[in-house]
N, C-alpha and C. Protein backbone atom coordinates (compact mmCIF):
# COMPACT_ATOMS: atom_id res chain seq x y z
N UNK A 1 0.84 -1.19 0.00
CA UNK A 1 0.00 0.00 0.00
C UNK A 1 0.87 1.24 0.00
N UNK A 2 0.57 2.21 0.83
CA UNK A 2 1.24 3.50 0.81
C UNK A 2 2.60 3.49 1.46
N UNK A 3 3.00 2.39 2.09
CA UNK A 3 4.29 2.35 2.78
C UNK A 3 5.45 2.69 1.87
N UNK A 4 5.33 2.38 0.59
CA UNK A 4 6.42 2.61 -0.35
C UNK A 4 6.65 4.09 -0.61
N UNK A 5 5.63 4.90 -0.51
CA UNK A 5 5.79 6.31 -0.83
C UNK A 5 5.36 7.26 0.29
N UNK A 6 4.87 6.72 1.38
CA UNK A 6 4.41 7.55 2.50
C UNK A 6 5.62 8.10 3.25
N UNK A 7 5.64 9.43 3.42
CA UNK A 7 6.69 10.08 4.20
C UNK A 7 6.15 11.42 4.70
N UNK A 8 6.99 12.24 5.30
CA UNK A 8 6.54 13.51 5.86
C UNK A 8 5.95 14.43 4.79
N UNK A 9 6.54 14.42 3.60
CA UNK A 9 6.04 15.29 2.54
C UNK A 9 4.68 14.85 2.02
N UNK A 10 4.49 13.54 1.86
CA UNK A 10 3.18 13.08 1.39
C UNK A 10 2.14 13.21 2.51
N UNK A 11 2.57 13.07 3.77
CA UNK A 11 1.66 13.34 4.89
C UNK A 11 1.18 14.79 4.81
N UNK A 12 2.11 15.70 4.55
CA UNK A 12 1.78 17.12 4.46
C UNK A 12 0.80 17.37 3.31
N UNK A 13 1.02 16.71 2.18
CA UNK A 13 0.11 16.86 1.04
C UNK A 13 -1.29 16.37 1.40
N UNK A 14 -1.37 15.23 2.05
CA UNK A 14 -2.68 14.69 2.45
C UNK A 14 -3.39 15.64 3.41
N UNK A 15 -2.65 16.17 4.37
CA UNK A 15 -3.23 17.13 5.31
C UNK A 15 -3.67 18.40 4.59
N UNK A 16 -2.89 18.83 3.61
CA UNK A 16 -3.27 20.01 2.84
C UNK A 16 -4.59 19.78 2.11
N UNK A 17 -4.74 18.62 1.48
CA UNK A 17 -5.99 18.30 0.79
C UNK A 17 -7.16 18.25 1.76
N UNK A 18 -6.94 17.67 2.91
CA UNK A 18 -8.00 17.59 3.91
C UNK A 18 -8.39 18.96 4.46
N UNK A 19 -7.49 19.92 4.40
CA UNK A 19 -7.77 21.25 4.95
C UNK A 19 -8.66 22.09 4.05
N UNK A 20 -8.80 21.71 2.79
CA UNK A 20 -9.60 22.49 1.85
C UNK A 20 -11.08 22.30 2.12
N UNK A 21 -11.83 23.40 2.11
CA UNK A 21 -13.22 23.35 2.53
C UNK A 21 -14.24 23.49 1.40
N UNK A 22 -13.84 24.08 0.29
CA UNK A 22 -14.78 24.30 -0.80
C UNK A 22 -14.19 23.81 -2.11
N UNK A 23 -15.07 23.63 -3.07
CA UNK A 23 -14.62 23.24 -4.41
C UNK A 23 -13.68 24.29 -4.99
N UNK A 24 -13.99 25.56 -4.78
CA UNK A 24 -13.12 26.63 -5.27
C UNK A 24 -11.73 26.55 -4.65
N UNK A 25 -11.64 26.25 -3.35
CA UNK A 25 -10.33 26.10 -2.70
C UNK A 25 -9.55 24.96 -3.32
N UNK A 26 -10.24 23.87 -3.63
CA UNK A 26 -9.57 22.72 -4.26
C UNK A 26 -9.06 23.11 -5.64
N UNK A 27 -9.89 23.81 -6.42
CA UNK A 27 -9.45 24.27 -7.74
C UNK A 27 -8.20 25.15 -7.62
N UNK A 28 -8.21 26.08 -6.68
CA UNK A 28 -7.06 26.98 -6.50
C UNK A 28 -5.80 26.19 -6.15
N UNK A 29 -5.93 25.25 -5.23
CA UNK A 29 -4.78 24.47 -4.82
C UNK A 29 -4.26 23.62 -5.97
N UNK A 30 -5.16 22.93 -6.67
CA UNK A 30 -4.74 22.09 -7.79
C UNK A 30 -4.05 22.92 -8.87
N UNK A 31 -4.58 24.10 -9.14
CA UNK A 31 -3.98 24.95 -10.16
C UNK A 31 -2.55 25.35 -9.80
N UNK A 32 -2.32 25.56 -8.50
CA UNK A 32 -0.98 25.94 -8.05
C UNK A 32 -0.02 24.77 -7.95
N UNK A 33 -0.52 23.58 -7.64
CA UNK A 33 0.37 22.46 -7.32
C UNK A 33 0.61 21.53 -8.52
N UNK A 34 -0.23 21.59 -9.53
CA UNK A 34 -0.11 20.65 -10.65
C UNK A 34 -0.34 21.38 -11.97
N UNK A 35 0.14 20.76 -13.03
CA UNK A 35 -0.13 21.31 -14.36
C UNK A 35 -1.56 20.97 -14.76
N UNK A 36 -2.06 21.71 -15.73
CA UNK A 36 -3.41 21.43 -16.24
C UNK A 36 -3.46 19.99 -16.76
N UNK A 37 -2.40 19.55 -17.43
CA UNK A 37 -2.35 18.18 -17.95
C UNK A 37 -2.43 17.14 -16.85
N UNK A 38 -1.73 17.39 -15.75
CA UNK A 38 -1.76 16.45 -14.61
C UNK A 38 -3.15 16.41 -13.98
N UNK A 39 -3.77 17.57 -13.84
CA UNK A 39 -5.12 17.63 -13.26
C UNK A 39 -6.11 16.89 -14.15
N UNK A 40 -6.00 17.14 -15.46
CA UNK A 40 -6.92 16.46 -16.39
C UNK A 40 -6.70 14.96 -16.42
N UNK A 41 -5.44 14.53 -16.27
CA UNK A 41 -5.15 13.09 -16.24
C UNK A 41 -5.78 12.45 -15.00
N UNK A 42 -5.69 13.12 -13.86
CA UNK A 42 -6.32 12.60 -12.64
C UNK A 42 -7.84 12.54 -12.81
N UNK A 43 -8.41 13.60 -13.37
CA UNK A 43 -9.86 13.64 -13.59
C UNK A 43 -10.29 12.54 -14.56
N UNK A 44 -9.49 12.32 -15.60
CA UNK A 44 -9.80 11.27 -16.56
C UNK A 44 -9.78 9.90 -15.90
N UNK A 45 -8.78 9.65 -15.07
CA UNK A 45 -8.70 8.35 -14.38
C UNK A 45 -9.89 8.12 -13.47
N UNK A 46 -10.32 9.17 -12.79
CA UNK A 46 -11.49 9.04 -11.92
C UNK A 46 -12.74 8.72 -12.75
N UNK A 47 -12.88 9.37 -13.89
CA UNK A 47 -14.02 9.07 -14.76
C UNK A 47 -13.93 7.65 -15.32
N UNK A 48 -12.74 7.21 -15.67
CA UNK A 48 -12.55 5.83 -16.12
C UNK A 48 -12.98 4.87 -15.01
N UNK A 49 -12.58 5.14 -13.78
CA UNK A 49 -12.95 4.29 -12.66
C UNK A 49 -14.47 4.25 -12.49
N UNK A 50 -15.10 5.42 -12.60
CA UNK A 50 -16.56 5.47 -12.47
C UNK A 50 -17.23 4.62 -13.54
N UNK A 51 -16.78 4.77 -14.77
CA UNK A 51 -17.38 4.02 -15.87
C UNK A 51 -17.12 2.52 -15.74
N UNK A 52 -15.91 2.14 -15.32
CA UNK A 52 -15.63 0.72 -15.08
C UNK A 52 -16.54 0.16 -13.99
N UNK A 53 -16.76 0.94 -12.95
CA UNK A 53 -17.61 0.47 -11.85
C UNK A 53 -19.07 0.33 -12.28
N UNK A 54 -19.42 1.00 -13.38
CA UNK A 54 -20.77 0.89 -13.92
C UNK A 54 -20.83 -0.08 -15.11
N UNK A 55 -19.77 -0.89 -15.26
CA UNK A 55 -19.71 -1.98 -16.24
C UNK A 55 -19.66 -1.53 -17.70
N UNK A 56 -19.14 -0.33 -17.95
CA UNK A 56 -18.91 0.09 -19.32
C UNK A 56 -17.76 -0.74 -19.89
N UNK A 57 -17.76 -0.91 -21.21
CA UNK A 57 -16.70 -1.66 -21.87
C UNK A 57 -15.51 -0.75 -22.15
N UNK A 58 -14.35 -1.37 -22.39
CA UNK A 58 -13.16 -0.58 -22.73
C UNK A 58 -13.42 0.35 -23.92
N UNK A 59 -14.00 -0.16 -25.03
CA UNK A 59 -14.24 0.74 -26.17
C UNK A 59 -15.16 1.92 -25.81
N UNK A 60 -16.18 1.66 -25.02
CA UNK A 60 -17.08 2.74 -24.60
C UNK A 60 -16.33 3.78 -23.76
N UNK A 61 -15.50 3.29 -22.84
CA UNK A 61 -14.75 4.19 -21.96
C UNK A 61 -13.74 5.00 -22.76
N UNK A 62 -13.04 4.32 -23.68
CA UNK A 62 -12.06 5.01 -24.51
C UNK A 62 -12.73 6.10 -25.33
N UNK A 63 -13.90 5.80 -25.89
CA UNK A 63 -14.61 6.77 -26.70
C UNK A 63 -15.08 7.96 -25.85
N UNK A 64 -15.62 7.69 -24.67
CA UNK A 64 -16.17 8.76 -23.84
C UNK A 64 -15.10 9.62 -23.19
N UNK A 65 -13.96 9.02 -22.84
CA UNK A 65 -12.95 9.75 -22.06
C UNK A 65 -11.69 10.11 -22.83
N UNK A 66 -11.45 9.40 -23.93
CA UNK A 66 -10.20 9.59 -24.65
C UNK A 66 -9.03 8.86 -24.01
N UNK A 67 -9.30 8.08 -22.97
CA UNK A 67 -8.24 7.32 -22.29
C UNK A 67 -7.77 6.17 -23.16
N UNK A 68 -6.48 5.88 -23.05
CA UNK A 68 -5.92 4.73 -23.77
C UNK A 68 -6.34 3.44 -23.07
N UNK A 69 -6.24 2.33 -23.79
CA UNK A 69 -6.56 1.05 -23.15
C UNK A 69 -5.57 0.75 -22.03
N UNK A 70 -4.34 1.25 -22.14
CA UNK A 70 -3.36 1.06 -21.06
C UNK A 70 -3.82 1.77 -19.79
N UNK A 71 -4.32 2.98 -19.93
CA UNK A 71 -4.83 3.72 -18.77
C UNK A 71 -6.05 3.02 -18.18
N UNK A 72 -6.94 2.58 -19.04
CA UNK A 72 -8.14 1.89 -18.57
C UNK A 72 -7.75 0.62 -17.82
N UNK A 73 -6.80 -0.14 -18.36
CA UNK A 73 -6.33 -1.37 -17.71
C UNK A 73 -5.70 -1.08 -16.36
N UNK A 74 -4.92 -0.01 -16.29
CA UNK A 74 -4.26 0.37 -15.04
C UNK A 74 -5.30 0.74 -13.98
N UNK A 75 -6.29 1.52 -14.38
CA UNK A 75 -7.34 1.91 -13.44
C UNK A 75 -8.12 0.67 -12.98
N UNK A 76 -8.42 -0.22 -13.92
CA UNK A 76 -9.16 -1.45 -13.57
C UNK A 76 -8.37 -2.27 -12.56
N UNK A 77 -7.07 -2.36 -12.76
CA UNK A 77 -6.21 -3.10 -11.83
C UNK A 77 -6.31 -2.52 -10.42
N UNK A 78 -6.26 -1.18 -10.32
CA UNK A 78 -6.34 -0.56 -9.00
C UNK A 78 -7.74 -0.64 -8.41
N UNK A 79 -8.77 -0.65 -9.26
CA UNK A 79 -10.13 -0.86 -8.75
C UNK A 79 -10.26 -2.24 -8.12
N UNK A 80 -9.62 -3.22 -8.74
CA UNK A 80 -9.74 -4.60 -8.27
C UNK A 80 -8.75 -4.95 -7.17
N UNK A 81 -7.53 -4.44 -7.25
CA UNK A 81 -6.47 -4.89 -6.34
C UNK A 81 -5.79 -3.77 -5.56
N UNK A 82 -6.25 -2.55 -5.72
CA UNK A 82 -5.60 -1.41 -5.09
C UNK A 82 -6.01 -1.22 -3.64
N UNK A 83 -5.77 -0.03 -3.13
CA UNK A 83 -6.01 0.30 -1.73
C UNK A 83 -7.45 0.75 -1.47
N UNK A 84 -8.34 0.58 -2.44
CA UNK A 84 -9.76 0.96 -2.36
C UNK A 84 -9.99 2.47 -2.38
N UNK A 85 -8.99 3.24 -2.77
CA UNK A 85 -9.17 4.68 -2.87
C UNK A 85 -10.24 5.08 -3.87
N UNK A 86 -10.22 4.46 -5.05
CA UNK A 86 -11.26 4.76 -6.04
C UNK A 86 -12.64 4.42 -5.47
N UNK A 87 -12.76 3.27 -4.84
CA UNK A 87 -14.05 2.83 -4.29
C UNK A 87 -14.57 3.83 -3.26
N UNK A 88 -13.70 4.26 -2.37
CA UNK A 88 -14.10 5.22 -1.34
C UNK A 88 -14.63 6.50 -1.99
N UNK A 89 -13.85 7.03 -2.94
CA UNK A 89 -14.24 8.29 -3.59
C UNK A 89 -15.51 8.12 -4.40
N UNK A 90 -15.62 7.05 -5.17
CA UNK A 90 -16.81 6.84 -5.98
C UNK A 90 -18.05 6.66 -5.11
N UNK A 91 -17.93 5.94 -4.01
CA UNK A 91 -19.06 5.78 -3.08
C UNK A 91 -19.48 7.13 -2.51
N UNK A 92 -18.50 7.94 -2.12
CA UNK A 92 -18.82 9.26 -1.54
C UNK A 92 -19.43 10.19 -2.59
N UNK A 93 -18.92 10.13 -3.82
CA UNK A 93 -19.50 10.95 -4.87
C UNK A 93 -20.94 10.54 -5.15
N UNK A 94 -21.18 9.24 -5.12
CA UNK A 94 -22.54 8.73 -5.33
C UNK A 94 -23.47 9.22 -4.22
N UNK A 95 -22.98 9.23 -2.98
CA UNK A 95 -23.77 9.74 -1.85
C UNK A 95 -24.13 11.21 -2.07
N UNK A 96 -23.18 12.00 -2.56
CA UNK A 96 -23.45 13.42 -2.74
C UNK A 96 -24.40 13.67 -3.90
N UNK A 97 -24.48 12.74 -4.85
CA UNK A 97 -25.46 12.87 -5.94
C UNK A 97 -26.87 12.82 -5.38
N UNK A 98 -27.06 12.06 -4.32
CA UNK A 98 -28.38 11.90 -3.70
C UNK A 98 -28.71 13.04 -2.75
N UNK A 99 -27.74 13.90 -2.47
CA UNK A 99 -27.92 14.99 -1.53
C UNK A 99 -27.78 16.32 -2.27
N UNK A 100 -28.75 17.21 -2.12
CA UNK A 100 -28.60 18.50 -2.80
C UNK A 100 -27.38 19.24 -2.26
N UNK A 101 -26.66 19.97 -3.14
CA UNK A 101 -25.47 20.69 -2.68
C UNK A 101 -25.83 21.79 -1.70
N UNK A 102 -24.92 22.04 -0.76
CA UNK A 102 -25.08 23.12 0.20
C UNK A 102 -24.54 24.39 -0.44
N UNK A 103 -25.33 25.46 -0.48
CA UNK A 103 -24.79 26.71 -1.03
C UNK A 103 -23.55 27.11 -0.23
N UNK A 104 -22.54 27.67 -0.94
CA UNK A 104 -21.26 27.95 -0.33
C UNK A 104 -21.38 28.83 0.91
N UNK A 105 -22.28 29.81 0.87
CA UNK A 105 -22.41 30.69 2.03
C UNK A 105 -23.01 29.97 3.24
N UNK A 106 -23.69 28.83 3.02
CA UNK A 106 -24.25 28.05 4.12
C UNK A 106 -23.35 26.91 4.55
N UNK A 107 -22.26 26.68 3.82
CA UNK A 107 -21.37 25.56 4.12
C UNK A 107 -20.70 25.78 5.48
N UNK A 108 -20.48 24.70 6.22
CA UNK A 108 -19.80 24.83 7.50
C UNK A 108 -18.43 25.47 7.33
N UNK A 109 -18.09 26.37 8.22
CA UNK A 109 -16.78 27.01 8.18
C UNK A 109 -16.71 28.20 7.25
N UNK A 110 -17.84 28.57 6.62
CA UNK A 110 -17.84 29.72 5.69
C UNK A 110 -17.93 31.02 6.44
């Protein structure tokens, strides 16, 4: 699992992500810490994971996302044998689909 890459710097990154309170704050942080290409690659992988979890085929996923079959295979491997990070995020995103969004001015900590 994370033992291979977990250290003080990655701990700090995780804490930084956890400290963000709004979608706008996340956008600002991502824009500063990563290139647009890196952000889009992460977003693409998450969409690939979502589509795989909904039983889409590789050709359907490739067509919808532009992801290569290598990327799709890699994501599938982590969905099946990884640390369950995709599963956690996809489950939480699905929960929020069922819940109306909180207006930013009403969000806790605003």
